[in-house]
Amino acid sequence: MVIFLSLINQMQQKEDFTISMNHVIDYLFAHPEHLPSFSITDLANATYTSTATIVRLCKKLGVKGFQEFRVKFALEMDAYLKKDKQLEIQTPITNKDTTYTIINKIAKLEMESIELTRSSLDYEQLQMIAMNLSKAKQIDFYGTGINLYAGMIASFHFMRAGKSSTALNSVYELQINALNSDASRVAIVLSNTGENEDLIKIARALKGNHVFTIVITRIKNSTLARLSDETILIVGRNQFQDMATLSYKASMNVVLDILFALLFSKNFENNLKNIDAYAESFHKK
């Protein structure tokens, strides 16, 4: 455990204290929230020790008495817990993690990212977007890097929902596609920051061609958001500096999956028949 504060540091050196003092210390570490409302007698009773033991503990820790100890411990414990939490957030995975803890930490990270995004979604906005997707002749995905791959997977899903869809894999192809688009199409632009220069140029071309454009991003007031007809904000645990990509990916994917499901439900019976037809055609010898 990393030590941050002098008082807590001293209290963690259990070999320096008597058995009775360690009973008090163990209780305080387990229940730090109790101390602010406790008198010295309350603490003695709770730890099955004596007021004399607590006085000796305070003296050994270098504080003048119980009142000073109570204030100083509360302040240091509050700062300690915040610092400890900050360290865990900045480095959720360390070389001390086991396979078990890594599995659970990553699962928790992605579930929290998904839940944060879900709770921020505007249901009426998504219903309106789903109507536009359903009416569109074609749905085109625009993204680079990790967003390109998210768009490619989403495009495949949208085709399974009976919708013509593209996710081209070079900026030049994306630019040409945008310039050749018209109002019969819908564009979905994927960007973490909303400030990708290539995507901004593409978004301006789409706007000039009157293409209904949906931007999915983290940043509400980004350039891409301002160029869009609708912006869907994703929320992730971006304070996890070394895990931000996983958090972002989980948030992006759940939004794309929701859009696919909304589109699929618009023509549910026909989509089921199409999926059965696809499966049957591929299994024919």
Protein backbone atom coordinates (compact mmCIF):
# COMPACT_ATOMS: atom_id res chain seq x y z
CA MET A 1 0.00 0.00 0.00
CA VAL A 2 1.29 3.44 -0.91
CA ILE A 3 1.60 5.76 2.08
CA PHE A 4 0.60 9.37 1.66
CA LEU A 5 0.05 10.87 5.10
CA SER A 6 2.20 10.99 8.22
CA LEU A 7 -0.48 10.15 10.79
CA ILE A 8 -1.87 7.24 8.81
CA ASN A 9 1.66 6.13 8.01
CA GLN A 10 2.43 5.88 11.71
CA MET A 11 -0.80 4.01 12.44
CA GLN A 12 0.01 1.44 9.79
CA GLN A 13 3.21 0.47 11.58
CA LYS A 14 1.38 -1.96 13.84
CA GLU A 15 4.50 -3.30 15.49
CA ASP A 16 5.04 0.10 17.15
CA PHE A 17 1.85 -0.15 19.23
CA THR A 18 0.45 -2.28 22.00
CA ILE A 19 -2.29 -4.84 21.41
CA SER A 20 -4.90 -2.49 22.89
CA MET A 21 -3.72 0.42 20.74
CA ASN A 22 -3.91 -1.79 17.65
CA HIS A 23 -7.52 -2.65 18.52
CA VAL A 24 -8.28 1.08 18.36
CA ILE A 25 -6.32 1.54 15.12
CA ASP A 26 -8.02 -1.44 13.44
CA TYR A 27 -11.43 -0.12 14.40
CA LEU A 28 -10.68 3.36 13.04
CA PHE A 29 -9.44 2.01 9.71
CA ALA A 30 -12.55 -0.17 9.42
CA HIS A 31 -14.99 2.56 10.49
CA PRO A 32 -13.43 5.99 9.87
CA GLU A 33 -16.87 7.54 9.49
CA HIS A 34 -17.62 6.97 13.18
CA LEU A 35 -14.84 9.08 14.66
CA PRO A 36 -16.20 12.61 13.97
CA SER A 37 -19.24 11.96 16.17
CA PHE A 38 -17.42 9.92 18.85
CA SER A 39 -16.25 11.12 22.23
CA ILE A 40 -13.17 9.49 23.72
CA THR A 41 -15.47 7.36 25.87
CA ASP A 42 -17.48 6.27 22.83
CA LEU A 43 -14.30 5.13 21.08
CA ALA A 44 -13.09 3.29 24.15
CA ASN A 45 -16.40 1.46 24.47
CA ALA A 46 -16.53 0.60 20.75
CA THR A 47 -13.01 -0.87 20.84
CA TYR A 48 -13.30 -2.58 24.24
CA THR A 49 -10.31 -0.61 25.49
CA SER A 50 -10.00 2.38 27.84
CA THR A 51 -9.78 6.13 27.60
CA ALA A 52 -6.24 5.82 29.00
CA THR A 53 -5.25 3.62 26.05
CA ILE A 54 -6.56 6.20 23.61
CA VAL A 55 -4.74 9.02 25.40
CA ARG A 56 -1.48 7.03 25.20
CA LEU A 57 -2.13 6.35 21.50
CA CYS A 58 -2.60 10.07 20.80
CA LYS A 59 0.62 10.88 22.66
CA LYS A 60 2.53 8.21 20.72
CA LEU A 61 1.23 9.64 17.43
CA GLY A 62 2.49 13.09 18.40
CA VAL A 63 -0.84 14.86 18.82
CA LYS A 64 -1.79 16.87 21.89
CA GLY A 65 -4.98 15.05 22.73
CA PHE A 66 -8.10 13.28 21.49
CA GLN A 67 -9.74 16.37 20.01
CA GLU A 68 -6.71 17.15 17.84
CA PHE A 69 -6.38 13.49 16.89
CA ARG A 70 -10.05 13.30 15.85
CA VAL A 71 -9.78 16.33 13.56
CA LYS A 72 -6.42 15.38 12.07
CA PHE A 73 -7.37 11.75 11.47
CA ALA A 74 -10.62 12.73 9.73
CA LEU A 75 -8.86 15.19 7.43
CA GLU A 76 -6.02 12.83 6.57
CA MET A 77 -8.28 9.82 6.04
CA ASP A 78 -10.49 11.82 3.68
CA ALA A 79 -7.45 12.92 1.64
CA TYR A 80 -5.98 9.42 1.80
CA LEU A 81 -9.11 7.77 0.44
CA LYS A 82 -9.37 10.30 -2.37
CA LYS A 83 -5.73 9.82 -3.32
CA ASP A 84 -6.01 6.06 -3.15
CA LYS A 85 -9.10 6.17 -5.39
CA GLN A 86 -7.32 8.50 -7.81
CA LEU A 87 -4.40 6.10 -8.11
CA GLU A 88 -6.77 3.20 -8.76
CA ILE A 89 -8.56 5.22 -11.45
CA GLN A 90 -5.36 6.28 -13.20
CA THR A 91 -3.92 2.77 -13.16
CA PRO A 92 -6.78 0.27 -13.03
CA ILE A 93 -4.50 -2.55 -14.21
CA THR A 94 -1.12 -3.14 -12.58
CA ASN A 95 1.52 -5.86 -12.62
CA LYS A 96 0.10 -7.08 -9.30
CA ASP A 97 -3.27 -7.98 -10.81
CA THR A 98 -4.25 -11.60 -11.26
CA THR A 99 -6.23 -12.99 -14.18
CA TYR A 100 -9.30 -12.93 -11.94
CA THR A 101 -8.93 -9.26 -10.95
CA ILE A 102 -8.19 -8.19 -14.54
CA ILE A 103 -11.31 -9.95 -15.80
CA ASN A 104 -13.45 -8.24 -13.19
CA LYS A 105 -11.85 -4.80 -13.56
CA ILE A 106 -12.29 -4.74 -17.35
CA ALA A 107 -15.85 -6.03 -17.10
CA LYS A 108 -16.64 -3.35 -14.50
CA LEU A 109 -15.00 -0.61 -16.58
CA GLU A 110 -16.99 -1.48 -19.69
CA MET A 111 -20.27 -1.96 -17.82
CA GLU A 112 -19.86 1.41 -16.11
CA SER A 113 -19.12 3.08 -19.45
CA ILE A 114 -22.19 1.51 -21.03
CA GLU A 115 -24.40 2.51 -18.10
CA LEU A 116 -23.10 6.10 -18.11
CA THR A 117 -23.88 6.36 -21.82
CA ARG A 118 -27.29 4.69 -21.50
CA SER A 119 -28.36 7.08 -18.75
CA SER A 120 -27.41 10.10 -20.87
CA LEU A 121 -29.38 9.12 -23.98
CA ASP A 122 -32.38 11.14 -25.13
CA TYR A 123 -35.19 8.70 -25.96
CA GLU A 124 -37.15 11.14 -28.11
CA GLN A 125 -34.03 12.03 -30.06
CA LEU A 126 -33.30 8.35 -30.73
CA GLN A 127 -36.87 7.75 -31.92
CA MET A 128 -36.55 10.63 -34.37
CA ILE A 129 -33.14 9.36 -35.56
CA ALA A 130 -34.59 5.88 -36.04
CA MET A 131 -37.30 7.33 -38.30
CA ASN A 132 -34.65 9.02 -40.45
CA LEU A 133 -32.61 5.82 -40.64
CA SER A 134 -35.69 3.87 -41.66
CA LYS A 135 -36.51 6.33 -44.48
CA ALA A 136 -32.94 6.55 -45.80
CA LYS A 137 -32.02 4.93 -49.08
CA GLN A 138 -28.52 4.29 -47.77
CA ILE A 139 -26.65 4.74 -44.47
CA ASP A 140 -22.97 5.65 -44.64
CA PHE A 141 -20.54 5.45 -41.74
CA TYR A 142 -17.59 7.83 -41.52
CA GLY A 143 -14.69 7.31 -39.13
CA THR A 144 -10.96 6.74 -38.86
CA GLY A 145 -8.86 4.49 -36.65
CA ILE A 146 -10.88 2.61 -34.06
CA ASN A 147 -14.03 4.37 -35.29
CA LEU A 148 -13.54 2.94 -38.77
CA TYR A 149 -13.75 -0.60 -37.38
CA ALA A 150 -16.75 0.28 -35.23
CA GLY A 151 -18.43 1.68 -38.36
CA MET A 152 -17.62 -1.43 -40.42
CA ILE A 153 -19.24 -3.71 -37.84
CA ALA A 154 -22.25 -1.41 -37.53
CA SER A 155 -22.59 -1.27 -41.34
CA PHE A 156 -22.75 -5.08 -41.47
CA HIS A 157 -25.47 -5.09 -38.80
CA PHE A 158 -27.46 -2.42 -40.63
CA MET A 159 -27.37 -4.51 -43.81
CA ARG A 160 -28.85 -7.36 -41.78
CA ALA A 161 -31.65 -4.93 -40.95
CA GLY A 162 -32.35 -4.63 -44.68
CA LYS A 163 -30.58 -1.31 -45.18
CA SER A 164 -27.92 -0.58 -47.80
CA SER A 165 -24.86 0.62 -45.86
CA THR A 166 -21.18 1.45 -46.34
CA ALA A 167 -18.11 1.99 -44.15
CA LEU A 168 -15.22 2.75 -46.48
CA ASN A 169 -11.69 2.28 -45.21
CA SER A 170 -9.73 5.21 -46.62
CA VAL A 171 -10.12 8.95 -46.11
CA TYR A 172 -10.07 9.51 -49.89
CA GLU A 173 -12.95 7.05 -50.40
CA LEU A 174 -14.87 8.67 -47.56
CA GLN A 175 -14.41 12.11 -49.12
CA ILE A 176 -15.58 10.92 -52.57
CA ASN A 177 -18.54 9.17 -50.99
CA ALA A 178 -19.55 12.35 -49.15
CA LEU A 179 -19.25 14.47 -52.27
CA ASN A 180 -21.48 12.01 -54.18
CA SER A 181 -24.11 11.79 -51.43
CA ASP A 182 -27.52 13.40 -51.51
CA ALA A 183 -30.56 13.94 -49.29
CA SER A 184 -31.73 10.35 -49.80
CA ARG A 185 -28.89 9.13 -47.56
CA VAL A 186 -28.07 9.38 -43.86
CA ALA A 187 -24.49 9.79 -42.64
CA ILE A 188 -23.23 8.63 -39.25
CA VAL A 189 -19.92 10.23 -38.28
CA LEU A 190 -17.94 8.65 -35.44
CA SER A 191 -15.34 10.70 -33.59
CA ASN A 192 -13.96 10.71 -30.07
CA THR A 193 -13.04 14.41 -29.87
CA GLY A 194 -15.20 15.74 -32.69
CA GLU A 195 -12.18 17.62 -34.04
CA ASN A 196 -10.73 15.23 -36.65
CA GLU A 197 -9.79 17.51 -39.57
CA ASP A 198 -10.58 14.97 -42.30
CA LEU A 199 -13.98 14.24 -40.81
CA ILE A 200 -14.72 17.96 -40.46
CA LYS A 201 -14.11 18.41 -44.21
CA ILE A 202 -16.36 15.43 -44.89
CA ALA A 203 -19.08 16.78 -42.59
CA ARG A 204 -19.02 20.11 -44.44
CA ALA A 205 -19.40 18.26 -47.76
CA LEU A 206 -22.33 16.29 -46.35
CA LYS A 207 -23.97 19.46 -45.09
CA GLY A 208 -23.53 21.07 -48.49
CA ASN A 209 -25.29 18.10 -50.09
CA HIS A 210 -28.16 18.25 -47.56
CA VAL A 211 -27.34 14.82 -46.11
CA PHE A 212 -28.95 14.19 -42.72
CA THR A 213 -25.88 13.76 -40.53
CA ILE A 214 -25.62 12.14 -37.11
CA VAL A 215 -22.42 12.67 -35.13
CA ILE A 216 -21.55 10.35 -32.26
CA THR A 217 -18.88 11.87 -30.05
CA ARG A 218 -17.80 12.66 -26.49
CA ILE A 219 -17.60 16.43 -26.93
CA LYS A 220 -20.86 18.37 -27.00
CA ASN A 221 -19.52 21.64 -28.43
CA SER A 222 -17.05 20.15 -30.90
CA THR A 223 -16.80 21.27 -34.52
CA LEU A 224 -18.37 18.04 -35.78
CA ALA A 225 -21.23 18.37 -33.32
CA ARG A 226 -21.96 21.86 -34.62
CA LEU A 227 -21.99 20.59 -38.22
CA SER A 228 -24.41 17.75 -37.46
CA ASP A 229 -28.17 17.58 -37.64
CA GLU A 230 -28.17 15.42 -34.52
CA THR A 231 -25.42 14.69 -32.00
CA ILE A 232 -25.41 11.66 -29.74
CA LEU A 233 -23.07 12.10 -26.81
CA ILE A 234 -21.27 9.09 -25.43
CA VAL A 235 -19.98 9.01 -21.90
CA GLY A 236 -17.01 6.93 -20.79
CA ARG A 237 -14.53 6.66 -17.97
CA ASN A 238 -11.90 8.77 -19.70
CA GLN A 239 -10.05 9.41 -16.45
CA PHE A 240 -8.72 5.85 -16.86
CA GLN A 241 -5.77 7.11 -18.84
CA ASP A 242 -4.44 3.71 -19.86
CA MET A 243 -7.91 2.19 -20.41
CA ALA A 244 -9.68 5.12 -22.10
CA THR A 245 -9.82 3.31 -25.46
CA LEU A 246 -11.70 0.38 -23.94
CA SER A 247 -14.14 2.70 -22.20
CA TYR A 248 -14.72 4.72 -25.37
CA LYS A 249 -15.15 1.60 -27.50
CA ALA A 250 -17.73 0.14 -25.13
CA SER A 251 -19.72 3.39 -25.12
CA MET A 252 -19.56 3.80 -28.90
CA ASN A 253 -20.57 0.20 -29.58
CA VAL A 254 -23.62 0.31 -27.32
CA VAL A 255 -24.93 3.42 -29.13
CA LEU A 256 -24.42 1.79 -32.53
CA ASP A 257 -26.10 -1.39 -31.31
CA ILE A 258 -29.08 0.62 -30.06
CA LEU A 259 -29.42 2.36 -33.44
CA PHE A 260 -29.29 -1.02 -35.19
CA ALA A 261 -31.93 -2.47 -32.86
CA LEU A 262 -34.22 0.53 -33.36
CA LEU A 263 -33.86 0.20 -37.14
CA PHE A 264 -34.37 -3.57 -37.02
CA SER A 265 -37.57 -3.18 -34.99
CA LYS A 266 -39.06 -0.78 -37.56
CA ASN A 267 -39.43 -3.62 -40.04
CA PHE A 268 -39.18 -6.56 -37.69
CA GLU A 269 -41.15 -9.26 -39.54
CA ASN A 270 -39.48 -8.60 -42.88
CA ASN A 271 -36.04 -8.50 -41.28
CA LEU A 272 -36.60 -11.89 -39.66
CA LYS A 273 -37.66 -13.32 -43.03
CA ASN A 274 -34.59 -11.79 -44.69
CA ILE A 275 -32.25 -13.30 -42.10
CA ASP A 276 -33.85 -16.71 -42.62
CA ALA A 277 -33.53 -16.28 -46.39
CA TYR A 278 -29.84 -15.32 -46.06
CA ALA A 279 -29.16 -18.38 -43.90
CA GLU A 280 -31.00 -20.68 -46.29
CA SER A 281 -29.18 -19.35 -49.39
CA PHE A 282 -25.75 -19.82 -47.81
CA HIS A 283 -26.53 -23.38 -46.75
CA LYS A 284 -27.66 -24.46 -50.21
CA LYS A 285 -25.26 -26.84 -51.90
